[in-house]
Each structure stands twice: as structure tokens, then as C-alpha cells.
Amino acid sequence: MLISNAYAQAAGGAAADPLGGLTGLLPIILMFVVLWFLMIRPQMKKAKEQKAMVEALAKGDEVLTQGGMAGRITKVGENFLTIEVSTIKDSPVEIIVQKQAVGTILPKGTLKTL
């Protein structure tokens, strides 16, 4: 014969894995831990800071929206803000935006320098 026979090896010859296959899952667990510290945890921290900033908004604060509009808060509602963005012929131009649309709170006096 040209092809030799192949026989299966006996199961009892090798020692069993003492960790029960946990070493195969170790890279996946390690990747999840790295993902948690590099992506998920900082995102949760940023969301927490954004929520605290939105709750602290008050009348008279100068803000910059996520769309790029800068203005001063004139009215604060439960979910919406009224922001004065300009003045035309001594009457203010106001827009209404959601509280979550505020990107940052500007330092006092910033709008006068723009």
C-alpha cells in the first residue's frame, strides 16, 4: 500500500488542562477590559459631565450650541432654552433650542469680544 493507516491517539495519555479551558477565553476577557478602560468609561464620564452642565444652566449664562450658535440665555424651561443671539434695531433676536443642544458654557463677557 502507498498510504499508511492513521490511528487516533488515546485520550488518557495527556494531562487534562487544570484551568478547564479558561486560557482560551483569557484573550477575549483581556480585550473587554481594555475596551472598558479606553472607550466605555471615558464616554460615561463625559456624558455625566454634560448632564451636570445642562442641569446647571441659568438665565444670563453665555453659551455655545453644538451647531455653533453663540448667545445669552434669556429663558430657561424644563426641556428648552431661549437664547438671545443678536440685536436688530434695538429688538433682540431669540431662538429656542433644546437644553441638550448646548455644547459649552462660555466665560462671562465672551460675547462682547466676538
PDB file of N, CA and C in Angstrom:
ATOM      1  N   MET A   1       0.815  -1.189   0.000  1.00  0.00           N
ATOM      2  CA  MET A   1       0.000   0.000   0.000  1.00  0.00           C
ATOM      3  C   MET A   1       0.859   1.254   0.000  1.00  0.00           C
ATOM      4  N   LEU A   2       0.332   2.270  -0.667  1.00  0.00           N
ATOM      5  CA  LEU A   2       1.052   3.536  -0.723  1.00  0.00           C
ATOM      6  C   LEU A   2       0.674   4.473   0.419  1.00  0.00           C
ATOM      7  N   ILE A   3      -0.497   4.357   0.960  1.00  0.00           N
ATOM      8  CA  ILE A   3      -0.971   5.246   2.027  1.00  0.00           C
ATOM      9  C   ILE A   3      -1.014   4.449   3.318  1.00  0.00           C
ATOM     10  N   SER A   4      -0.363   4.978   4.356  1.00  0.00           N
ATOM     11  CA  SER A   4      -0.373   4.272   5.631  1.00  0.00           C
ATOM     12  C   SER A   4      -1.622   4.634   6.424  1.00  0.00           C
ATOM     13  N   ASN A   5      -2.017   3.780   7.334  1.00  0.00           N
ATOM     14  CA  ASN A   5      -3.201   3.997   8.156  1.00  0.00           C
ATOM     15  C   ASN A   5      -2.899   5.010   9.254  1.00  0.00           C
ATOM     16  N   ALA A   6      -3.894   5.848   9.571  1.00  0.00           N
ATOM     17  CA  ALA A   6      -3.785   6.832  10.648  1.00  0.00           C
ATOM     18  C   ALA A   6      -4.670   6.367  11.787  1.00  0.00           C
ATOM     19  N   TYR A   7      -4.133   6.361  12.996  1.00  0.00           N
ATOM     20  CA  TYR A   7      -4.875   5.911  14.161  1.00  0.00           C
ATOM     21  C   TYR A   7      -5.032   7.062  15.150  1.00  0.00           C
ATOM     22  N   ALA A   8      -6.162   7.125  15.836  1.00  0.00           N
ATOM     23  CA  ALA A   8      -6.424   8.153  16.836  1.00  0.00           C
ATOM     24  C   ALA A   8      -5.601   7.887  18.079  1.00  0.00           C
ATOM     25  N   GLN A   9      -5.209   8.960  18.722  1.00  0.00           N
ATOM     26  CA  GLN A   9      -4.404   8.838  19.932  1.00  0.00           C
ATOM     27  C   GLN A   9      -5.322   8.602  21.127  1.00  0.00           C
ATOM     28  N   ALA A  10      -4.860   7.871  22.102  1.00  0.00           N
ATOM     29  CA  ALA A  10      -5.656   7.567  23.289  1.00  0.00           C
ATOM     30  C   ALA A  10      -5.880   8.835  24.107  1.00  0.00           C
ATOM     31  N   ALA A  11      -7.079   8.993  24.702  1.00  0.00           N
ATOM     32  CA  ALA A  11      -7.445  10.200  25.439  1.00  0.00           C
ATOM     33  C   ALA A  11      -6.733  10.302  26.775  1.00  0.00           C
ATOM     34  N   GLY A  12      -6.409   9.238  27.399  1.00  0.00           N
ATOM     35  CA  GLY A  12      -5.828   9.272  28.731  1.00  0.00           C
ATOM     36  C   GLY A  12      -4.347   9.563  28.751  1.00  0.00           C
ATOM     37  N   GLY A  13      -3.705   9.680  27.637  1.00  0.00           N
ATOM     38  CA  GLY A  13      -2.265   9.851  27.594  1.00  0.00           C
ATOM     39  C   GLY A  13      -1.800  11.237  28.023  1.00  0.00           C
ATOM     40  N   ALA A  14      -2.566  12.303  27.750  1.00  0.00           N
ATOM     41  CA  ALA A  14      -2.142  13.675  28.077  1.00  0.00           C
ATOM     42  C   ALA A  14      -2.844  14.134  29.348  1.00  0.00           C
ATOM     43  N   ALA A  15      -2.178  15.001  30.090  1.00  0.00           N
ATOM     44  CA  ALA A  15      -2.774  15.542  31.318  1.00  0.00           C
ATOM     45  C   ALA A  15      -3.868  16.544  30.949  1.00  0.00           C
ATOM     46  N   ALA A  16      -4.950  16.553  31.716  1.00  0.00           N
ATOM     47  CA  ALA A  16      -6.060  17.470  31.453  1.00  0.00           C
ATOM     48  C   ALA A  16      -5.667  18.902  31.841  1.00  0.00           C
ATOM     49  N   ASP A  17      -6.273  19.904  31.188  1.00  0.00           N
ATOM     50  CA  ASP A  17      -5.996  21.313  31.470  1.00  0.00           C
ATOM     51  C   ASP A  17      -6.543  21.660  32.851  1.00  0.00           C
ATOM     52  N   PRO A  18      -5.692  22.108  33.796  1.00  0.00           N
ATOM     53  CA  PRO A  18      -6.173  22.384  35.148  1.00  0.00           C
ATOM     54  C   PRO A  18      -7.128  23.579  35.223  1.00  0.00           C
ATOM     55  N   LEU A  19      -7.084  24.502  34.260  1.00  0.00           N
ATOM     56  CA  LEU A  19      -7.967  25.676  34.287  1.00  0.00           C
ATOM     57  C   LEU A  19      -9.298  25.413  33.594  1.00  0.00           C
ATOM     58  N   GLY A  20      -9.432  24.259  32.976  1.00  0.00           N
ATOM     59  CA  GLY A  20     -10.706  23.885  32.369  1.00  0.00           C
ATOM     60  C   GLY A  20     -11.036  24.699  31.123  1.00  0.00           C
ATOM     61  N   GLY A  21     -10.079  25.106  30.345  1.00  0.00           N
ATOM     62  CA  GLY A  21     -10.330  25.853  29.118  1.00  0.00           C
ATOM     63  C   GLY A  21     -10.414  27.353  29.302  1.00  0.00           C
ATOM     64  N   LEU A  22     -10.134  27.858  30.484  1.00  0.00           N
ATOM     65  CA  LEU A  22     -10.192  29.294  30.748  1.00  0.00           C
ATOM     66  C   LEU A  22      -9.115  30.058  29.987  1.00  0.00           C
ATOM     67  N   THR A  23      -8.015  29.401  29.696  1.00  0.00           N
ATOM     68  CA  THR A  23      -6.935  30.074  28.966  1.00  0.00           C
ATOM     69  C   THR A  23      -7.370  30.450  27.559  1.00  0.00           C
ATOM     70  N   GLY A  24      -8.317  29.758  26.994  1.00  0.00           N
ATOM     71  CA  GLY A  24      -8.833  30.109  25.678  1.00  0.00           C
ATOM     72  C   GLY A  24      -9.682  31.373  25.715  1.00  0.00           C
ATOM     73  N   LEU A  25     -10.331  31.621  26.849  1.00  0.00           N
ATOM     74  CA  LEU A  25     -11.162  32.819  26.995  1.00  0.00           C
ATOM     75  C   LEU A  25     -10.373  34.024  27.502  1.00  0.00           C
ATOM     76  N   LEU A  26      -9.174  33.816  27.966  1.00  0.00           N
ATOM     77  CA  LEU A  26      -8.377  34.898  28.547  1.00  0.00           C
ATOM     78  C   LEU A  26      -8.148  36.060  27.579  1.00  0.00           C
ATOM     79  N   PRO A  27      -7.810  35.846  26.319  1.00  0.00           N
ATOM     80  CA  PRO A  27      -7.639  36.998  25.405  1.00  0.00           C
ATOM     81  C   PRO A  27      -8.916  37.802  25.203  1.00  0.00           C
ATOM     82  N   ILE A  28     -10.050  37.141  25.155  1.00  0.00           N
ATOM     83  CA  ILE A  28     -11.326  37.844  24.987  1.00  0.00           C
ATOM     84  C   ILE A  28     -11.639  38.681  26.220  1.00  0.00           C
ATOM     85  N   ILE A  29     -11.402  38.127  27.391  1.00  0.00           N
ATOM     86  CA  ILE A  29     -11.630  38.862  28.638  1.00  0.00           C
ATOM     87  C   ILE A  29     -10.690  40.057  28.717  1.00  0.00           C
ATOM     88  N   LEU A  30      -9.447  39.869  28.356  1.00  0.00           N
ATOM     89  CA  LEU A  30      -8.472  40.953  28.367  1.00  0.00           C
ATOM     90  C   LEU A  30      -8.861  42.058  27.390  1.00  0.00           C
ATOM     91  N   MET A  31      -9.363  41.696  26.207  1.00  0.00           N
ATOM     92  CA  MET A  31      -9.799  42.697  25.236  1.00  0.00           C
ATOM     93  C   MET A  31     -10.987  43.493  25.769  1.00  0.00           C
ATOM     94  N   PHE A  32     -11.916  42.849  26.464  1.00  0.00           N
ATOM     95  CA  PHE A  32     -13.059  43.551  27.034  1.00  0.00           C
ATOM     96  C   PHE A  32     -12.617  44.541  28.107  1.00  0.00           C
ATOM     97  N   VAL A  33     -11.669  44.159  28.937  1.00  0.00           N
ATOM     98  CA  VAL A  33     -11.165  45.054  29.985  1.00  0.00           C
ATOM     99  C   VAL A  33     -10.497  46.278  29.365  1.00  0.00           C
ATOM    100  N   VAL A  34      -9.681  46.074  28.348  1.00  0.00           N
ATOM    101  CA  VAL A  34      -9.031  47.197  27.667  1.00  0.00           C
ATOM    102  C   VAL A  34     -10.077  48.093  27.013  1.00  0.00           C
ATOM    103  N   LEU A  35     -11.075  47.511  26.364  1.00  0.00           N
ATOM    104  CA  LEU A  35     -12.155  48.277  25.747  1.00  0.00           C
ATOM    105  C   LEU A  35     -12.895  49.104  26.782  1.00  0.00           C
ATOM    106  N   TRP A  36     -13.141  48.542  27.945  1.00  0.00           N
ATOM    107  CA  TRP A  36     -13.841  49.252  29.016  1.00  0.00           C
ATOM    108  C   TRP A  36     -13.062  50.499  29.443  1.00  0.00           C
ATOM    109  N   PHE A  37     -11.767  50.359  29.678  1.00  0.00           N
ATOM    110  CA  PHE A  37     -10.984  51.483  30.175  1.00  0.00           C
ATOM    111  C   PHE A  37     -10.659  52.514  29.098  1.00  0.00           C
ATOM    112  N   LEU A  38     -10.594  52.109  27.832  1.00  0.00           N
ATOM    113  CA  LEU A  38     -10.233  53.047  26.778  1.00  0.00           C
ATOM    114  C   LEU A  38     -11.426  53.702  26.096  1.00  0.00           C
ATOM    115  N   MET A  39     -12.589  53.063  26.095  1.00  0.00           N
ATOM    116  CA  MET A  39     -13.720  53.609  25.354  1.00  0.00           C
ATOM    117  C   MET A  39     -14.969  53.845  26.191  1.00  0.00           C
ATOM    118  N   ILE A  40     -15.424  52.854  26.896  1.00  0.00           N
ATOM    119  CA  ILE A  40     -16.715  52.946  27.572  1.00  0.00           C
ATOM    120  C   ILE A  40     -16.647  53.870  28.786  1.00  0.00           C
ATOM    121  N   ARG A  41     -15.647  53.710  29.623  1.00  0.00           N
ATOM    122  CA  ARG A  41     -15.542  54.508  30.850  1.00  0.00           C
ATOM    123  C   ARG A  41     -15.384  56.006  30.569  1.00  0.00           C
ATOM    124  N   PRO A  42     -14.506  56.439  29.638  1.00  0.00           N
ATOM    125  CA  PRO A  42     -14.421  57.872  29.339  1.00  0.00           C
ATOM    126  C   PRO A  42     -15.709  58.438  28.741  1.00  0.00           C
ATOM    127  N   GLN A  43     -16.416  57.634  27.951  1.00  0.00           N
ATOM    128  CA  GLN A  43     -17.664  58.099  27.371  1.00  0.00           C
ATOM    129  C   GLN A  43     -18.722  58.300  28.456  1.00  0.00           C
ATOM    130  N   MET A  44     -18.775  57.415  29.431  1.00  0.00           N
ATOM    131  CA  MET A  44     -19.716  57.567  30.539  1.00  0.00           C
ATOM    132  C   MET A  44     -19.375  58.795  31.373  1.00  0.00           C
ATOM    133  N   LYS A  45     -18.093  59.052  31.570  1.00  0.00           N
ATOM    134  CA  LYS A  45     -17.660  60.213  32.339  1.00  0.00           C
ATOM    135  C   LYS A  45     -18.050  61.510  31.619  1.00  0.00           C
ATOM    136  N   LYS A  46     -17.869  61.552  30.299  1.00  0.00           N
ATOM    137  CA  LYS A  46     -18.212  62.734  29.524  1.00  0.00           C
ATOM    138  C   LYS A  46     -19.717  62.973  29.544  1.00  0.00           C
ATOM    139  N   ALA A  47     -20.512  61.924  29.442  1.00  0.00           N
ATOM    140  CA  ALA A  47     -21.971  62.050  29.497  1.00  0.00           C
ATOM    141  C   ALA A  47     -22.428  62.578  30.852  1.00  0.00           C
ATOM    142  N   LYS A  48     -21.767  62.148  31.905  1.00  0.00           N
ATOM    143  CA  LYS A  48     -22.094  62.611  33.253  1.00  0.00           C
ATOM    144  C   LYS A  48     -21.786  64.110  33.397  1.00  0.00           C
ATOM    145  N   GLU A  49     -20.645  64.549  32.849  1.00  0.00           N
ATOM    146  CA  GLU A  49     -20.279  65.967  32.894  1.00  0.00           C
ATOM    147  C   GLU A  49     -21.257  66.805  32.077  1.00  0.00           C
ATOM    148  N   GLN A  50     -21.687  66.310  30.904  1.00  0.00           N
ATOM    149  CA  GLN A  50     -22.644  67.025  30.061  1.00  0.00           C
ATOM    150  C   GLN A  50     -23.974  67.185  30.783  1.00  0.00           C
ATOM    151  N   LYS A  51     -24.427  66.131  31.460  1.00  0.00           N
ATOM    152  CA  LYS A  51     -25.695  66.191  32.190  1.00  0.00           C
ATOM    153  C   LYS A  51     -25.622  67.204  33.323  1.00  0.00           C
ATOM    154  N   ALA A  52     -24.502  67.238  34.041  1.00  0.00           N
ATOM    155  CA  ALA A  52     -24.337  68.204  35.127  1.00  0.00           C
ATOM    156  C   ALA A  52     -24.319  69.629  34.591  1.00  0.00           C
ATOM    157  N   MET A  53     -23.681  69.848  33.431  1.00  0.00           N
ATOM    158  CA  MET A  53     -23.635  71.178  32.844  1.00  0.00           C
ATOM    159  C   MET A  53     -25.023  71.632  32.407  1.00  0.00           C
ATOM    160  N   VAL A  54     -25.791  70.730  31.812  1.00  0.00           N
ATOM    161  CA  VAL A  54     -27.140  71.075  31.351  1.00  0.00           C
ATOM    162  C   VAL A  54     -28.034  71.420  32.540  1.00  0.00           C
ATOM    163  N   GLU A  55     -27.889  70.702  33.635  1.00  0.00           N
ATOM    164  CA  GLU A  55     -28.705  70.982  34.821  1.00  0.00           C
ATOM    165  C   GLU A  55     -28.322  72.303  35.478  1.00  0.00           C
ATOM    166  N   ALA A  56     -27.089  72.759  35.271  1.00  0.00           N
ATOM    167  CA  ALA A  56     -26.617  73.992  35.909  1.00  0.00           C
ATOM    168  C   ALA A  56     -26.873  75.241  35.070  1.00  0.00           C
ATOM    169  N   LEU A  57     -27.495  75.115  33.891  1.00  0.00           N
ATOM    170  CA  LEU A  57     -27.744  76.276  33.050  1.00  0.00           C
ATOM    171  C   LEU A  57     -28.706  77.228  33.732  1.00  0.00           C
ATOM    172  N   ALA A  58     -28.400  78.535  33.630  1.00  0.00           N
ATOM    173  CA  ALA A  58     -29.234  79.544  34.272  1.00  0.00           C
ATOM    174  C   ALA A  58     -29.364  80.756  33.359  1.00  0.00           C
ATOM    175  N   LYS A  59     -30.337  81.587  33.651  1.00  0.00           N
ATOM    176  CA  LYS A  59     -30.563  82.801  32.881  1.00  0.00           C
ATOM    177  C   LYS A  59     -29.331  83.702  32.996  1.00  0.00           C
ATOM    178  N   GLY A  60     -28.897  84.246  31.856  1.00  0.00           N
ATOM    179  CA  GLY A  60     -27.736  85.128  31.841  1.00  0.00           C
ATOM    180  C   GLY A  60     -26.433  84.439  31.464  1.00  0.00           C
ATOM    181  N   ASP A  61     -26.413  83.114  31.439  1.00  0.00           N
ATOM    182  CA  ASP A  61     -25.202  82.390  31.026  1.00  0.00           C
ATOM    183  C   ASP A  61     -24.978  82.573  29.529  1.00  0.00           C
ATOM    184  N   GLU A  62     -23.720  82.700  29.146  1.00  0.00           N
ATOM    185  CA  GLU A  62     -23.358  82.767  27.738  1.00  0.00           C
ATOM    186  C   GLU A  62     -22.955  81.366  27.304  1.00  0.00           C
ATOM    187  N   VAL A  63     -23.600  80.893  26.220  1.00  0.00           N
ATOM    188  CA  VAL A  63     -23.407  79.501  25.805  1.00  0.00           C
ATOM    189  C   VAL A  63     -23.071  79.421  24.326  1.00  0.00           C
ATOM    190  N   LEU A  64     -22.513  78.296  23.950  1.00  0.00           N
ATOM    191  CA  LEU A  64     -22.245  77.950  22.563  1.00  0.00           C
ATOM    192  C   LEU A  64     -22.958  76.638  22.294  1.00  0.00           C
ATOM    193  N   THR A  65     -23.858  76.631  21.303  1.00  0.00           N
ATOM    194  CA  THR A  65     -24.595  75.408  20.999  1.00  0.00           C
ATOM    195  C   THR A  65     -23.727  74.474  20.167  1.00  0.00           C
ATOM    196  N   GLN A  66     -24.159  73.239  20.050  1.00  0.00           N
ATOM    197  CA  GLN A  66     -23.420  72.265  19.254  1.00  0.00           C
ATOM    198  C   GLN A  66     -23.454  72.608  17.776  1.00  0.00           C
ATOM    199  N   GLY A  67     -24.416  73.429  17.369  1.00  0.00           N
ATOM    200  CA  GLY A  67     -24.498  73.870  15.981  1.00  0.00           C
ATOM    201  C   GLY A  67     -23.636  75.081  15.689  1.00  0.00           C
ATOM    202  N   GLY A  68     -23.029  75.669  16.728  1.00  0.00           N
ATOM    203  CA  GLY A  68     -22.125  76.791  16.531  1.00  0.00           C
ATOM    204  C   GLY A  68     -22.728  78.150  16.833  1.00  0.00           C
ATOM    205  N   MET A  69     -23.955  78.215  17.329  1.00  0.00           N
ATOM    206  CA  MET A  69     -24.588  79.491  17.653  1.00  0.00           C
ATOM    207  C   MET A  69     -24.161  79.921  19.059  1.00  0.00           C
ATOM    208  N   ALA A  70     -23.704  81.162  19.168  1.00  0.00           N
ATOM    209  CA  ALA A  70     -23.315  81.716  20.466  1.00  0.00           C
ATOM    210  C   ALA A  70     -24.379  82.711  20.891  1.00  0.00           C
ATOM    211  N   GLY A  71     -24.726  82.691  22.175  1.00  0.00           N
ATOM    212  CA  GLY A  71     -25.739  83.614  22.663  1.00  0.00           C
ATOM    213  C   GLY A  71     -25.850  83.579  24.175  1.00  0.00           C
ATOM    214  N   ARG A  72     -26.771  84.426  24.674  1.00  0.00           N
ATOM    215  CA  ARG A  72     -27.010  84.544  26.117  1.00  0.00           C
ATOM    216  C   ARG A  72     -28.393  83.978  26.424  1.00  0.00           C
ATOM    217  N   ILE A  73     -28.491  83.179  27.461  1.00  0.00           N
ATOM    218  CA  ILE A  73     -29.764  82.557  27.844  1.00  0.00           C
ATOM    219  C   ILE A  73     -30.678  83.630  28.431  1.00  0.00           C
ATOM    220  N   THR A  74     -31.919  83.703  27.888  1.00  0.00           N
ATOM    221  CA  THR A  74     -32.889  84.657  28.418  1.00  0.00           C
ATOM    222  C   THR A  74     -34.012  83.964  29.185  1.00  0.00           C
ATOM    223  N   LYS A  75     -34.347  82.742  28.792  1.00  0.00           N
ATOM    224  CA  LYS A  75     -35.394  81.980  29.490  1.00  0.00           C
ATOM    225  C   LYS A  75     -34.943  80.532  29.606  1.00  0.00           C
ATOM    226  N   VAL A  76     -35.245  79.920  30.738  1.00  0.00           N
ATOM    227  CA  VAL A  76     -34.919  78.520  30.963  1.00  0.00           C
ATOM    228  C   VAL A  76     -36.210  77.768  31.258  1.00  0.00           C
ATOM    229  N   GLY A  77     -36.497  76.784  30.427  1.00  0.00           N
ATOM    230  CA  GLY A  77     -37.656  75.930  30.645  1.00  0.00           C
ATOM    231  C   GLY A  77     -37.200  74.560  31.130  1.00  0.00           C
ATOM    232  N   GLU A  78     -38.143  73.641  31.154  1.00  0.00           N
ATOM    233  CA  GLU A  78     -37.808  72.294  31.614  1.00  0.00           C
ATOM    234  C   GLU A  78     -36.937  71.555  30.603  1.00  0.00           C
ATOM    235  N   ASN A  79     -37.288  71.686  29.307  1.00  0.00           N
ATOM    236  CA  ASN A  79     -36.536  70.985  28.265  1.00  0.00           C
ATOM    237  C   ASN A  79     -35.906  71.931  27.244  1.00  0.00           C
ATOM    238  N   PHE A  80     -36.349  73.184  27.216  1.00  0.00           N
ATOM    239  CA  PHE A  80     -35.899  74.118  26.201  1.00  0.00           C
ATOM    240  C   PHE A  80     -35.335  75.393  26.816  1.00  0.00           C
ATOM    241  N   LEU A  81     -34.485  76.068  26.033  1.00  0.00           N
ATOM    242  CA  LEU A  81     -33.896  77.351  26.416  1.00  0.00           C
ATOM    243  C   LEU A  81     -34.223  78.375  25.341  1.00  0.00           C
ATOM    244  N   THR A  82     -34.351  79.628  25.736  1.00  0.00           N
ATOM    245  CA  THR A  82     -34.437  80.716  24.778  1.00  0.00           C
ATOM    246  C   THR A  82     -33.122  81.456  24.846  1.00  0.00           C
ATOM    247  N   ILE A  83     -32.468  81.581  23.694  1.00  0.00           N
ATOM    248  CA  ILE A  83     -31.142  82.189  23.637  1.00  0.00           C
ATOM    249  C   ILE A  83     -31.208  83.428  22.757  1.00  0.00           C
ATOM    250  N   GLU A  84     -30.701  84.535  23.280  1.00  0.00           N
ATOM    251  CA  GLU A  84     -30.588  85.772  22.505  1.00  0.00           C
ATOM    252  C   GLU A  84     -29.275  85.705  21.735  1.00  0.00           C
ATOM    253  N   VAL A  85     -29.371  85.705  20.401  1.00  0.00           N
ATOM    254  CA  VAL A  85     -28.176  85.561  19.583  1.00  0.00           C
ATOM    255  C   VAL A  85     -27.721  86.873  18.971  1.00  0.00           C
ATOM    256  N   SER A  86     -28.610  87.869  18.878  1.00  0.00           N
ATOM    257  CA  SER A  86     -28.242  89.147  18.272  1.00  0.00           C
ATOM    258  C   SER A  86     -29.281  90.196  18.630  1.00  0.00           C
ATOM    259  N   THR A  87     -29.010  91.427  18.220  1.00  0.00           N
ATOM    260  CA  THR A  87     -29.957  92.521  18.397  1.00  0.00           C
ATOM    261  C   THR A  87     -30.047  93.278  17.075  1.00  0.00           C
ATOM    262  N   ILE A  88     -31.289  93.440  16.570  1.00  0.00           N
ATOM    263  CA  ILE A  88     -31.520  94.183  15.337  1.00  0.00           C
ATOM    264  C   ILE A  88     -32.493  95.308  15.645  1.00  0.00           C
ATOM    265  N   LYS A  89     -32.063  96.561  15.407  1.00  0.00           N
ATOM    266  CA  LYS A  89     -32.893  97.746  15.653  1.00  0.00           C
ATOM    267  C   LYS A  89     -33.467  97.740  17.064  1.00  0.00           C
ATOM    268  N   ASP A  90     -32.627  97.502  18.026  1.00  0.00           N
ATOM    269  CA  ASP A  90     -32.973  97.505  19.454  1.00  0.00           C
ATOM    270  C   ASP A  90     -33.991  96.444  19.867  1.00  0.00           C
ATOM    271  N   SER A  91     -34.200  95.414  19.048  1.00  0.00           N
ATOM    272  CA  SER A  91     -35.040  94.300  19.482  1.00  0.00           C
ATOM    273  C   SER A  91     -34.197  93.029  19.385  1.00  0.00           C
ATOM    274  N   PRO A  92     -34.251  92.209  20.416  1.00  0.00           N
ATOM    275  CA  PRO A  92     -33.397  91.016  20.431  1.00  0.00           C
ATOM    276  C   PRO A  92     -33.891  89.933  19.464  1.00  0.00           C
ATOM    277  N   VAL A  93     -32.941  89.218  18.888  1.00  0.00           N
ATOM    278  CA  VAL A  93     -33.242  88.046  18.057  1.00  0.00           C
ATOM    279  C   VAL A  93     -33.018  86.832  18.939  1.00  0.00           C
ATOM    280  N   GLU A  94     -34.102  86.091  19.178  1.00  0.00           N
ATOM    281  CA  GLU A  94     -34.026  84.950  20.089  1.00  0.00           C
ATOM    282  C   GLU A  94     -34.365  83.665  19.347  1.00  0.00           C
ATOM    283  N   ILE A  95     -33.710  82.602  19.754  1.00  0.00           N
ATOM    284  CA  ILE A  95     -34.006  81.279  19.217  1.00  0.00           C
ATOM    285  C   ILE A  95     -34.300  80.342  20.379  1.00  0.00           C
ATOM    286  N   ILE A  96     -35.049  79.316  20.086  1.00  0.00           N
ATOM    287  CA  ILE A  96     -35.378  78.317  21.098  1.00  0.00           C
ATOM    288  C   ILE A  96     -34.631  77.032  20.740  1.00  0.00           C
ATOM    289  N   VAL A  97     -33.886  76.499  21.699  1.00  0.00           N
ATOM    290  CA  VAL A  97     -33.123  75.270  21.486  1.00  0.00           C
ATOM    291  C   VAL A  97     -33.364  74.317  22.657  1.00  0.00           C
ATOM    292  N   GLN A  98     -33.105  73.048  22.412  1.00  0.00           N
ATOM    293  CA  GLN A  98     -33.174  72.070  23.497  1.00  0.00           C
ATOM    294  C   GLN A  98     -31.982  72.268  24.416  1.00  0.00           C
ATOM    295  N   LYS A  99     -32.163  71.933  25.674  1.00  0.00           N
ATOM    296  CA  LYS A  99     -31.064  72.052  26.638  1.00  0.00           C
ATOM    297  C   LYS A  99     -29.870  71.197  26.241  1.00  0.00           C
ATOM    298  N   GLN A 100     -30.128  70.012  25.685  1.00  0.00           N
ATOM    299  CA  GLN A 100     -29.047  69.113  25.320  1.00  0.00           C
ATOM    300  C   GLN A 100     -28.233  69.628  24.139  1.00  0.00           C
ATOM    301  N   ALA A 101     -28.726  70.662  23.428  1.00  0.00           N
ATOM    302  CA  ALA A 101     -28.007  71.220  22.284  1.00  0.00           C
ATOM    303  C   ALA A 101     -26.889  72.162  22.710  1.00  0.00           C
ATOM    304  N   VAL A 102     -26.821  72.500  23.979  1.00  0.00           N
ATOM    305  CA  VAL A 102     -25.755  73.379  24.471  1.00  0.00           C
ATOM    306  C   VAL A 102     -24.469  72.568  24.553  1.00  0.00           C
ATOM    307  N   GLY A 103     -23.436  73.073  23.872  1.00  0.00           N
ATOM    308  CA  GLY A 103     -22.149  72.375  23.856  1.00  0.00           C
ATOM    309  C   GLY A 103     -21.256  72.793  25.000  1.00  0.00           C
ATOM    310  N   THR A 104     -21.121  74.108  25.208  1.00  0.00           N
ATOM    311  CA  THR A 104     -20.255  74.615  26.279  1.00  0.00           C
ATOM    312  C   THR A 104     -20.850  75.893  26.861  1.00  0.00           C
ATOM    313  N   ILE A 105     -20.442  76.173  28.082  1.00  0.00           N
ATOM    314  CA  ILE A 105     -20.771  77.453  28.705  1.00  0.00           C
ATOM    315  C   ILE A 105     -19.540  78.338  28.550  1.00  0.00           C
ATOM    316  N   LEU A 106     -19.755  79.527  27.977  1.00  0.00           N
ATOM    317  CA  LEU A 106     -18.650  80.444  27.736  1.00  0.00           C
ATOM    318  C   LEU A 106     -18.396  81.302  28.975  1.00  0.00           C
ATOM    319  N   PRO A 107     -17.156  81.763  29.163  1.00  0.00           N
ATOM    320  CA  PRO A 107     -16.890  82.700  30.260  1.00  0.00           C
ATOM    321  C   PRO A 107     -17.652  84.008  30.065  1.00  0.00           C
ATOM    322  N   LYS A 108     -18.004  84.661  31.154  1.00  0.00           N
ATOM    323  CA  LYS A 108     -18.751  85.922  31.101  1.00  0.00           C
ATOM    324  C   LYS A 108     -17.966  86.951  30.282  1.00  0.00           C
ATOM    325  N   GLY A 109     -18.682  87.691  29.428  1.00  0.00           N
ATOM    326  CA  GLY A 109     -18.056  88.731  28.616  1.00  0.00           C
ATOM    327  C   GLY A 109     -17.505  88.251  27.295  1.00  0.00           C
ATOM    328  N   THR A 110     -17.628  86.997  26.991  1.00  0.00           N
ATOM    329  CA  THR A 110     -17.098  86.462  25.730  1.00  0.00           C
ATOM    330  C   THR A 110     -17.849  87.009  24.528  1.00  0.00           C
ATOM    331  N   LEU A 111     -19.161  87.192  24.662  1.00  0.00           N
ATOM    332  CA  LEU A 111     -19.958  87.649  23.530  1.00  0.00           C
ATOM    333  C   LEU A 111     -19.599  89.088  23.126  1.00  0.00           C
ATOM    334  N   LYS A 112     -19.150  89.892  24.049  1.00  0.00           N
ATOM    335  CA  LYS A 112     -18.762  91.271  23.717  1.00  0.00           C
ATOM    336  C   LYS A 112     -17.490  91.313  22.875  1.00  0.00           C
ATOM    337  N   THR A 113     -16.646  90.309  23.006  1.00  0.00           N
ATOM    338  CA  THR A 113     -15.394  90.288  22.255  1.00  0.00           C
ATOM    339  C   THR A 113     -15.573  89.700  20.857  1.00  0.00           C
ATOM    340  N   LEU A 114     -16.712  89.073  20.588  1.00  0.00           N
ATOM    341  CA  LEU A 114     -16.939  88.460  19.266  1.00  0.00           C
ATOM    342  C   LEU A 114     -17.354  89.477  18.242  1.00  0.00           C
TER     343      LEU A 114
END
